[in-house]
Protein backbone atom coordinates (compact mmCIF):
# COMPACT_ATOMS: atom_id res chain seq x y z
CA UNK A 1 0.00 0.00 0.00
CA UNK A 2 1.26 3.47 -0.85
CA UNK A 3 1.89 5.57 2.24
CA UNK A 4 3.52 8.75 0.88
CA UNK A 5 4.27 10.59 -2.35
CA UNK A 6 6.34 13.60 -3.30
CA UNK A 7 6.50 15.91 -6.31
CA UNK A 8 9.58 18.04 -6.74
CA UNK A 9 8.94 21.55 -8.05
CA UNK A 10 11.53 24.22 -8.84
CA UNK A 11 11.50 25.84 -5.38
CA UNK A 12 9.47 23.46 -3.23
CA UNK A 13 8.39 19.91 -2.61
CA UNK A 14 4.72 18.95 -2.62
CA UNK A 15 3.89 15.79 -0.74
CA UNK A 16 1.26 13.76 0.97
CA UNK A 17 1.13 11.03 3.57
CA UNK A 18 -1.67 8.56 4.21
CA UNK A 19 -2.55 8.23 7.89
CA UNK A 20 -5.16 6.09 9.62
CA UNK A 21 -6.62 9.18 11.31
CA UNK A 22 -7.08 12.86 10.71
CA UNK A 23 -4.15 14.75 12.15
CA UNK A 24 -4.61 18.50 12.23
CA UNK A 25 -1.60 20.69 11.51
CA UNK A 26 -1.37 24.24 10.22
CA UNK A 27 1.21 22.87 7.76
CA UNK A 28 -1.36 20.70 5.97
CA UNK A 29 -2.62 22.27 2.77
CA UNK A 30 -5.47 19.77 2.45
CA UNK A 31 -6.77 16.73 4.33
CA UNK A 32 -9.23 14.36 2.70
CA UNK A 33 -10.36 10.81 3.29
CA UNK A 34 -10.90 8.23 0.57
CA UNK A 35 -12.00 5.88 3.38
CA UNK A 36 -12.45 6.08 7.17
CA UNK A 37 -9.06 4.39 7.76
CA UNK A 38 -7.15 6.38 5.15
CA UNK A 39 -6.77 10.13 5.58
CA UNK A 40 -4.57 11.84 2.99
CA UNK A 41 -2.64 14.82 4.38
CA UNK A 42 -1.18 17.11 1.73
CA UNK A 43 1.66 19.50 2.57
CA UNK A 44 4.36 21.65 1.03
CA UNK A 45 8.02 21.89 2.05
CA UNK A 46 9.96 24.96 0.97
CA UNK A 47 13.43 23.96 2.13
CA UNK A 48 15.50 21.58 4.26
CA UNK A 49 14.59 23.44 7.45
CA UNK A 50 10.95 22.39 6.93
CA UNK A 51 11.94 18.74 7.46
CA UNK A 52 11.66 18.58 11.23
CA UNK A 53 10.40 16.18 13.88
CA UNK A 54 6.76 16.77 12.90
CA UNK A 55 7.43 15.71 9.30
CA UNK A 56 9.48 12.73 10.50
CA UNK A 57 6.58 11.71 12.74
CA UNK A 58 4.13 11.92 9.81
CA UNK A 59 6.41 9.65 7.78
CA UNK A 60 6.81 7.12 10.62
CA UNK A 61 3.04 6.95 11.09
CA UNK A 62 2.39 6.77 7.34
CA UNK A 63 4.96 3.98 6.92
CA UNK A 64 3.13 1.95 9.58
CA UNK A 65 -0.13 2.54 7.68
CA UNK A 66 1.59 1.37 4.49
CA UNK A 67 2.49 -1.83 6.33
CA UNK A 68 -1.18 -1.97 7.46
CA UNK A 69 -0.17 -2.10 11.12
CA UNK A 70 -3.15 0.12 11.92
CA UNK A 71 -5.43 -2.77 10.93
CA UNK A 72 -3.77 -5.22 13.32
CA UNK A 73 -4.10 -2.71 16.15
CA UNK A 74 -7.87 -2.68 15.56
CA UNK A 75 -8.17 -6.42 16.10
CA UNK A 76 -7.79 -7.51 12.47
CA UNK A 77 -6.02 -10.88 12.65
CA UNK A 78 -5.95 -11.51 8.88
CA UNK A 79 -2.34 -10.34 8.51
PDB file of N, CA and C in Angstrom:
ATOM      1  N   UNK A   1       0.839  -1.177   0.000  1.00  0.00           N
ATOM      2  CA  UNK A   1       0.000   0.000   0.000  1.00  0.00           C
ATOM      3  C   UNK A   1       0.888   1.246   0.000  1.00  0.00           C
ATOM      4  N   UNK A   2       0.531   2.210  -0.813  1.00  0.00           N
ATOM      5  CA  UNK A   2       1.260   3.474  -0.850  1.00  0.00           C
ATOM      6  C   UNK A   2       1.006   4.250   0.441  1.00  0.00           C
ATOM      7  N   UNK A   3       2.052   4.838   0.983  1.00  0.00           N
ATOM      8  CA  UNK A   3       1.894   5.573   2.239  1.00  0.00           C
ATOM      9  C   UNK A   3       2.317   7.026   2.116  1.00  0.00           C
ATOM     10  N   UNK A   4       3.066   7.379   1.064  1.00  0.00           N
ATOM     11  CA  UNK A   4       3.523   8.750   0.879  1.00  0.00           C
ATOM     12  C   UNK A   4       3.897   8.962  -0.582  1.00  0.00           C
ATOM     13  N   UNK A   5       3.839  10.227  -0.999  1.00  0.00           N
ATOM     14  CA  UNK A   5       4.272  10.587  -2.348  1.00  0.00           C
ATOM     15  C   UNK A   5       4.797  12.012  -2.322  1.00  0.00           C
ATOM     16  N   UNK A   6       5.730  12.287  -3.225  1.00  0.00           N
ATOM     17  CA  UNK A   6       6.344  13.601  -3.300  1.00  0.00           C
ATOM     18  C   UNK A   6       6.477  14.028  -4.750  1.00  0.00           C
ATOM     19  N   UNK A   7       6.303  15.324  -4.993  1.00  0.00           N
ATOM     20  CA  UNK A   7       6.496  15.909  -6.310  1.00  0.00           C
ATOM     21  C   UNK A   7       7.444  17.086  -6.162  1.00  0.00           C
ATOM     22  N   UNK A   8       8.570  16.998  -6.810  1.00  0.00           N
ATOM     23  CA  UNK A   8       9.578  18.043  -6.736  1.00  0.00           C
ATOM     24  C   UNK A   8       9.236  19.149  -7.729  1.00  0.00           C
ATOM     25  N   UNK A   9       9.141  20.361  -7.219  1.00  0.00           N
ATOM     26  CA  UNK A   9       8.942  21.554  -8.052  1.00  0.00           C
ATOM     27  C   UNK A   9      10.242  22.359  -8.024  1.00  0.00           C
ATOM     28  N   UNK A  10      10.292  23.441  -8.738  1.00  0.00           N
ATOM     29  CA  UNK A  10      11.531  24.219  -8.841  1.00  0.00           C
ATOM     30  C   UNK A  10      12.013  24.724  -7.481  1.00  0.00           C
ATOM     31  N   UNK A  11      11.100  25.244  -6.655  1.00  0.00           N
ATOM     32  CA  UNK A  11      11.495  25.844  -5.383  1.00  0.00           C
ATOM     33  C   UNK A  11      10.797  25.232  -4.176  1.00  0.00           C
ATOM     34  N   UNK A  12      10.163  24.079  -4.351  1.00  0.00           N
ATOM     35  CA  UNK A  12       9.472  23.457  -3.226  1.00  0.00           C
ATOM     36  C   UNK A  12       9.216  21.986  -3.511  1.00  0.00           C
ATOM     37  N   UNK A  13       8.731  21.324  -2.503  1.00  0.00           N
ATOM     38  CA  UNK A  13       8.390  19.905  -2.606  1.00  0.00           C
ATOM     39  C   UNK A  13       6.959  19.745  -2.129  1.00  0.00           C
ATOM     40  N   UNK A  14       6.079  19.290  -3.014  1.00  0.00           N
ATOM     41  CA  UNK A  14       4.715  18.952  -2.616  1.00  0.00           C
ATOM     42  C   UNK A  14       4.700  17.487  -2.210  1.00  0.00           C
ATOM     43  N   UNK A  15       3.965  17.180  -1.166  1.00  0.00           N
ATOM     44  CA  UNK A  15       3.891  15.792  -0.738  1.00  0.00           C
ATOM     45  C   UNK A  15       2.583  15.477  -0.053  1.00  0.00           C
ATOM     46  N   UNK A  16       2.386  14.197   0.141  1.00  0.00           N
ATOM     47  CA  UNK A  16       1.261  13.763   0.973  1.00  0.00           C
ATOM     48  C   UNK A  16       1.632  12.464   1.680  1.00  0.00           C
ATOM     49  N   UNK A  17       1.006  12.272   2.817  1.00  0.00           N
ATOM     50  CA  UNK A  17       1.125  11.026   3.571  1.00  0.00           C
ATOM     51  C   UNK A  17      -0.273  10.500   3.818  1.00  0.00           C
ATOM     52  N   UNK A  18      -0.388   9.191   3.906  1.00  0.00           N
ATOM     53  CA  UNK A  18      -1.672   8.558   4.211  1.00  0.00           C
ATOM     54  C   UNK A  18      -1.607   8.076   5.654  1.00  0.00           C
ATOM     55  N   UNK A  19      -2.490   8.605   6.477  1.00  0.00           N
ATOM     56  CA  UNK A  19      -2.554   8.234   7.891  1.00  0.00           C
ATOM     57  C   UNK A  19      -3.881   7.545   8.166  1.00  0.00           C
ATOM     58  N   UNK A  20      -3.943   6.811   9.259  1.00  0.00           N
ATOM     59  CA  UNK A  20      -5.164   6.090   9.624  1.00  0.00           C
ATOM     60  C   UNK A  20      -6.140   6.986  10.387  1.00  0.00           C
ATOM     61  N   UNK A  21      -5.774   8.233  10.560  1.00  0.00           N
ATOM     62  CA  UNK A  21      -6.616   9.179  11.306  1.00  0.00           C
ATOM     63  C   UNK A  21      -6.373  10.574  10.754  1.00  0.00           C
ATOM     64  N   UNK A  22      -7.287  11.458  11.062  1.00  0.00           N
ATOM     65  CA  UNK A  22      -7.081  12.859  10.714  1.00  0.00           C
ATOM     66  C   UNK A  22      -6.133  13.457  11.746  1.00  0.00           C
ATOM     67  N   UNK A  23      -5.137  14.136  11.273  1.00  0.00           N
ATOM     68  CA  UNK A  23      -4.151  14.753  12.154  1.00  0.00           C
ATOM     69  C   UNK A  23      -4.022  16.219  11.754  1.00  0.00           C
ATOM     70  N   UNK A  24      -4.586  17.085  12.557  1.00  0.00           N
ATOM     71  CA  UNK A  24      -4.608  18.504  12.230  1.00  0.00           C
ATOM     72  C   UNK A  24      -3.236  19.139  12.425  1.00  0.00           C
ATOM     73  N   UNK A  25      -2.851  19.932  11.449  1.00  0.00           N
ATOM     74  CA  UNK A  25      -1.603  20.692  11.510  1.00  0.00           C
ATOM     75  C   UNK A  25      -1.779  21.922  10.629  1.00  0.00           C
ATOM     76  N   UNK A  26      -1.298  23.058  11.084  1.00  0.00           N
ATOM     77  CA  UNK A  26      -1.367  24.239  10.221  1.00  0.00           C
ATOM     78  C   UNK A  26      -0.522  24.088   8.960  1.00  0.00           C
ATOM     79  N   UNK A  27       0.349  23.104   8.925  1.00  0.00           N
ATOM     80  CA  UNK A  27       1.210  22.871   7.762  1.00  0.00           C
ATOM     81  C   UNK A  27       0.513  22.061   6.672  1.00  0.00           C
ATOM     82  N   UNK A  28      -0.617  21.453   6.982  1.00  0.00           N
ATOM     83  CA  UNK A  28      -1.364  20.698   5.973  1.00  0.00           C
ATOM     84  C   UNK A  28      -2.063  21.674   5.032  1.00  0.00           C
ATOM     85  N   UNK A  29      -1.921  21.435   3.736  1.00  0.00           N
ATOM     86  CA  UNK A  29      -2.620  22.274   2.768  1.00  0.00           C
ATOM     87  C   UNK A  29      -4.000  21.720   2.459  1.00  0.00           C
ATOM     88  N   UNK A  30      -4.181  20.419   2.688  1.00  0.00           N
ATOM     89  CA  UNK A  30      -5.474  19.774   2.455  1.00  0.00           C
ATOM     90  C   UNK A  30      -5.462  18.423   3.154  1.00  0.00           C
ATOM     91  N   UNK A  31      -6.594  18.058   3.739  1.00  0.00           N
ATOM     92  CA  UNK A  31      -6.769  16.733   4.332  1.00  0.00           C
ATOM     93  C   UNK A  31      -8.074  16.176   3.786  1.00  0.00           C
ATOM     94  N   UNK A  32      -8.018  14.979   3.240  1.00  0.00           N
ATOM     95  CA  UNK A  32      -9.225  14.357   2.699  1.00  0.00           C
ATOM     96  C   UNK A  32      -9.148  12.850   2.919  1.00  0.00           C
ATOM     97  N   UNK A  33     -10.313  12.230   2.971  1.00  0.00           N
ATOM     98  CA  UNK A  33     -10.360  10.808   3.287  1.00  0.00           C
ATOM     99  C   UNK A  33     -11.044   9.971   2.239  1.00  0.00           C
ATOM    100  N   UNK A  34     -10.266   9.160   1.506  1.00  0.00           N
ATOM    101  CA  UNK A  34     -10.895   8.234   0.569  1.00  0.00           C
ATOM    102  C   UNK A  34     -11.644   7.109   1.287  1.00  0.00           C
ATOM    103  N   UNK A  35     -11.293   6.875   2.564  1.00  0.00           N
ATOM    104  CA  UNK A  35     -12.002   5.885   3.382  1.00  0.00           C
ATOM    105  C   UNK A  35     -11.802   6.268   4.847  1.00  0.00           C
ATOM    106  N   UNK A  36     -12.586   5.715   5.757  1.00  0.00           N
ATOM    107  CA  UNK A  36     -12.447   6.080   7.168  1.00  0.00           C
ATOM    108  C   UNK A  36     -11.054   5.775   7.746  1.00  0.00           C
ATOM    109  N   UNK A  37     -10.383   4.766   7.238  1.00  0.00           N
ATOM    110  CA  UNK A  37      -9.063   4.386   7.757  1.00  0.00           C
ATOM    111  C   UNK A  37      -7.901   4.975   6.967  1.00  0.00           C
ATOM    112  N   UNK A  38      -8.204   5.781   5.970  1.00  0.00           N
ATOM    113  CA  UNK A  38      -7.151   6.384   5.150  1.00  0.00           C
ATOM    114  C   UNK A  38      -7.440   7.868   4.974  1.00  0.00           C
ATOM    115  N   UNK A  39      -6.650   8.680   5.651  1.00  0.00           N
ATOM    116  CA  UNK A  39      -6.775  10.128   5.579  1.00  0.00           C
ATOM    117  C   UNK A  39      -5.511  10.673   4.906  1.00  0.00           C
ATOM    118  N   UNK A  40      -5.696  11.302   3.758  1.00  0.00           N
ATOM    119  CA  UNK A  40      -4.575  11.843   2.993  1.00  0.00           C
ATOM    120  C   UNK A  40      -4.299  13.263   3.474  1.00  0.00           C
ATOM    121  N   UNK A  41      -3.073  13.505   3.877  1.00  0.00           N
ATOM    122  CA  UNK A  41      -2.637  14.815   4.381  1.00  0.00           C
ATOM    123  C   UNK A  41      -1.636  15.401   3.394  1.00  0.00           C
ATOM    124  N   UNK A  42      -2.053  16.453   2.693  1.00  0.00           N
ATOM    125  CA  UNK A  42      -1.185  17.105   1.726  1.00  0.00           C
ATOM    126  C   UNK A  42      -0.416  18.235   2.415  1.00  0.00           C
ATOM    127  N   UNK A  43       0.822  18.451   1.970  1.00  0.00           N
ATOM    128  CA  UNK A  43       1.656  19.495   2.568  1.00  0.00           C
ATOM    129  C   UNK A  43       2.675  19.987   1.552  1.00  0.00           C
ATOM    130  N   UNK A  44       3.349  21.059   1.891  1.00  0.00           N
ATOM    131  CA  UNK A  44       4.365  21.655   1.028  1.00  0.00           C
ATOM    132  C   UNK A  44       5.592  21.974   1.871  1.00  0.00           C
ATOM    133  N   UNK A  45       6.756  21.572   1.386  1.00  0.00           N
ATOM    134  CA  UNK A  45       8.023  21.886   2.047  1.00  0.00           C
ATOM    135  C   UNK A  45       8.793  22.851   1.158  1.00  0.00           C
ATOM    136  N   UNK A  46       9.275  23.928   1.744  1.00  0.00           N
ATOM    137  CA  UNK A  46       9.958  24.963   0.971  1.00  0.00           C
ATOM    138  C   UNK A  46      11.479  24.894   1.079  1.00  0.00           C
ATOM    139  N   UNK A  47      11.980  24.072   1.991  1.00  0.00           N
ATOM    140  CA  UNK A  47      13.431  23.959   2.134  1.00  0.00           C
ATOM    141  C   UNK A  47      13.786  22.918   3.171  1.00  0.00           C
ATOM    142  N   UNK A  48      15.058  22.611   3.318  1.00  0.00           N
ATOM    143  CA  UNK A  48      15.501  21.580   4.264  1.00  0.00           C
ATOM    144  C   UNK A  48      15.084  21.849   5.707  1.00  0.00           C
ATOM    145  N   UNK A  49      14.992  23.118   6.081  1.00  0.00           N
ATOM    146  CA  UNK A  49      14.595  23.441   7.454  1.00  0.00           C
ATOM    147  C   UNK A  49      13.150  23.035   7.769  1.00  0.00           C
ATOM    148  N   UNK A  50      12.336  22.830   6.719  1.00  0.00           N
ATOM    149  CA  UNK A  50      10.953  22.389   6.930  1.00  0.00           C
ATOM    150  C   UNK A  50      10.865  20.916   7.329  1.00  0.00           C
ATOM    151  N   UNK A  51      11.928  20.164   7.093  1.00  0.00           N
ATOM    152  CA  UNK A  51      11.936  18.743   7.460  1.00  0.00           C
ATOM    153  C   UNK A  51      12.384  18.661   8.917  1.00  0.00           C
ATOM    154  N   UNK A  52      11.404  18.589   9.791  1.00  0.00           N
ATOM    155  CA  UNK A  52      11.664  18.583  11.226  1.00  0.00           C
ATOM    156  C   UNK A  52      11.028  17.351  11.863  1.00  0.00           C
ATOM    157  N   UNK A  53      10.943  17.340  13.169  1.00  0.00           N
ATOM    158  CA  UNK A  53      10.402  16.178  13.884  1.00  0.00           C
ATOM    159  C   UNK A  53       8.936  15.924  13.539  1.00  0.00           C
ATOM    160  N   UNK A  54       8.161  16.969  13.277  1.00  0.00           N
ATOM    161  CA  UNK A  54       6.763  16.771  12.899  1.00  0.00           C
ATOM    162  C   UNK A  54       6.665  16.007  11.582  1.00  0.00           C
ATOM    163  N   UNK A  55       7.438  16.399  10.598  1.00  0.00           N
ATOM    164  CA  UNK A  55       7.428  15.712   9.304  1.00  0.00           C
ATOM    165  C   UNK A  55       7.934  14.277   9.468  1.00  0.00           C
ATOM    166  N   UNK A  56       8.970  14.084  10.245  1.00  0.00           N
ATOM    167  CA  UNK A  56       9.479  12.731  10.501  1.00  0.00           C
ATOM    168  C   UNK A  56       8.411  11.868  11.158  1.00  0.00           C
ATOM    169  N   UNK A  57       7.646  12.447  12.077  1.00  0.00           N
ATOM    170  CA  UNK A  57       6.578  11.708  12.740  1.00  0.00           C
ATOM    171  C   UNK A  57       5.472  11.331  11.761  1.00  0.00           C
ATOM    172  N   UNK A  58       5.117  12.250  10.845  1.00  0.00           N
ATOM    173  CA  UNK A  58       4.127  11.918   9.810  1.00  0.00           C
ATOM    174  C   UNK A  58       4.601  10.719   9.000  1.00  0.00           C
ATOM    175  N   UNK A  59       5.880  10.738   8.606  1.00  0.00           N
ATOM    176  CA  UNK A  59       6.411   9.654   7.781  1.00  0.00           C
ATOM    177  C   UNK A  59       6.450   8.323   8.531  1.00  0.00           C
ATOM    178  N   UNK A  60       6.819   8.359   9.812  1.00  0.00           N
ATOM    179  CA  UNK A  60       6.807   7.121  10.620  1.00  0.00           C
ATOM    180  C   UNK A  60       5.396   6.541  10.687  1.00  0.00           C
ATOM    181  N   UNK A  61       4.429   7.415  10.985  1.00  0.00           N
ATOM    182  CA  UNK A  61       3.044   6.951  11.092  1.00  0.00           C
ATOM    183  C   UNK A  61       2.528   6.453   9.745  1.00  0.00           C
ATOM    184  N   UNK A  62       2.835   7.177   8.669  1.00  0.00           N
ATOM    185  CA  UNK A  62       2.386   6.769   7.339  1.00  0.00           C
ATOM    186  C   UNK A  62       3.028   5.445   6.916  1.00  0.00           C
ATOM    187  N   UNK A  63       4.293   5.238   7.259  1.00  0.00           N
ATOM    188  CA  UNK A  63       4.957   3.979   6.922  1.00  0.00           C
ATOM    189  C   UNK A  63       4.262   2.804   7.606  1.00  0.00           C
ATOM    190  N   UNK A  64       3.870   2.993   8.854  1.00  0.00           N
ATOM    191  CA  UNK A  64       3.132   1.946   9.580  1.00  0.00           C
ATOM    192  C   UNK A  64       1.777   1.681   8.914  1.00  0.00           C
ATOM    193  N   UNK A  65       1.130   2.726   8.410  1.00  0.00           N
ATOM    194  CA  UNK A  65      -0.132   2.544   7.683  1.00  0.00           C
ATOM    195  C   UNK A  65       0.140   1.766   6.397  1.00  0.00           C
ATOM    196  N   UNK A  66       1.227   2.099   5.707  1.00  0.00           N
ATOM    197  CA  UNK A  66       1.588   1.371   4.491  1.00  0.00           C
ATOM    198  C   UNK A  66       1.810  -0.110   4.750  1.00  0.00           C
ATOM    199  N   UNK A  67       2.311  -0.428   5.937  1.00  0.00           N
ATOM    200  CA  UNK A  67       2.488  -1.830   6.333  1.00  0.00           C
ATOM    201  C   UNK A  67       1.197  -2.411   6.899  1.00  0.00           C
ATOM    202  N   UNK A  68       0.156  -1.616   6.960  1.00  0.00           N
ATOM    203  CA  UNK A  68      -1.177  -1.971   7.457  1.00  0.00           C
ATOM    204  C   UNK A  68      -1.167  -2.367   8.923  1.00  0.00           C
ATOM    205  N   UNK A  69      -0.229  -1.828   9.676  1.00  0.00           N
ATOM    206  CA  UNK A  69      -0.175  -2.102  11.118  1.00  0.00           C
ATOM    207  C   UNK A  69      -1.368  -1.520  11.849  1.00  0.00           C
ATOM    208  N   UNK A  70      -1.974  -0.469  11.291  1.00  0.00           N
ATOM    209  CA  UNK A  70      -3.151   0.121  11.923  1.00  0.00           C
ATOM    210  C   UNK A  70      -4.331  -0.852  11.910  1.00  0.00           C
ATOM    211  N   UNK A  71      -4.356  -1.780  10.971  1.00  0.00           N
ATOM    212  CA  UNK A  71      -5.435  -2.773  10.930  1.00  0.00           C
ATOM    213  C   UNK A  71      -5.263  -3.810  12.034  1.00  0.00           C
ATOM    214  N   UNK A  72      -4.035  -4.245  12.253  1.00  0.00           N
ATOM    215  CA  UNK A  72      -3.775  -5.223  13.315  1.00  0.00           C
ATOM    216  C   UNK A  72      -4.090  -4.642  14.687  1.00  0.00           C
ATOM    217  N   UNK A  73      -3.832  -3.334  14.846  1.00  0.00           N
ATOM    218  CA  UNK A  73      -4.099  -2.707  16.147  1.00  0.00           C
ATOM    219  C   UNK A  73      -5.591  -2.567  16.411  1.00  0.00           C
ATOM    220  N   UNK A  74      -6.414  -2.750  15.391  1.00  0.00           N
ATOM    221  CA  UNK A  74      -7.867  -2.675  15.559  1.00  0.00           C
ATOM    222  C   UNK A  74      -8.494  -4.076  15.693  1.00  0.00           C
ATOM    223  N   UNK A  75      -7.645  -5.076  15.901  1.00  0.00           N
ATOM    224  CA  UNK A  75      -8.173  -6.422  16.105  1.00  0.00           C
ATOM    225  C   UNK A  75      -8.270  -7.252  14.849  1.00  0.00           C
ATOM    226  N   UNK A  76      -7.766  -6.763  13.717  1.00  0.00           N
ATOM    227  CA  UNK A  76      -7.787  -7.506  12.466  1.00  0.00           C
ATOM    228  C   UNK A  76      -6.666  -8.544  12.509  1.00  0.00           C
ATOM    229  N   UNK A  77      -7.012  -9.802  12.547  1.00  0.00           N
ATOM    230  CA  UNK A  77      -6.025 -10.883  12.645  1.00  0.00           C
ATOM    231  C   UNK A  77      -5.749 -11.537  11.298  1.00  0.00           C
ATOM    232  N   UNK A  78      -6.138 -10.895  10.193  1.00  0.00           N
ATOM    233  CA  UNK A  78      -5.946 -11.510   8.878  1.00  0.00           C
ATOM    234  C   UNK A  78      -4.520 -11.388   8.383  1.00  0.00           C
ATOM    235  N   UNK A  79      -3.705 -10.546   8.974  1.00  0.00           N
ATOM    236  CA  UNK A  79      -2.335 -10.343   8.506  1.00  0.00           C
ATOM    237  C   UNK A  79      -1.358 -11.202   9.275  1.00  0.00           C
TER     238      UNK A  79
END
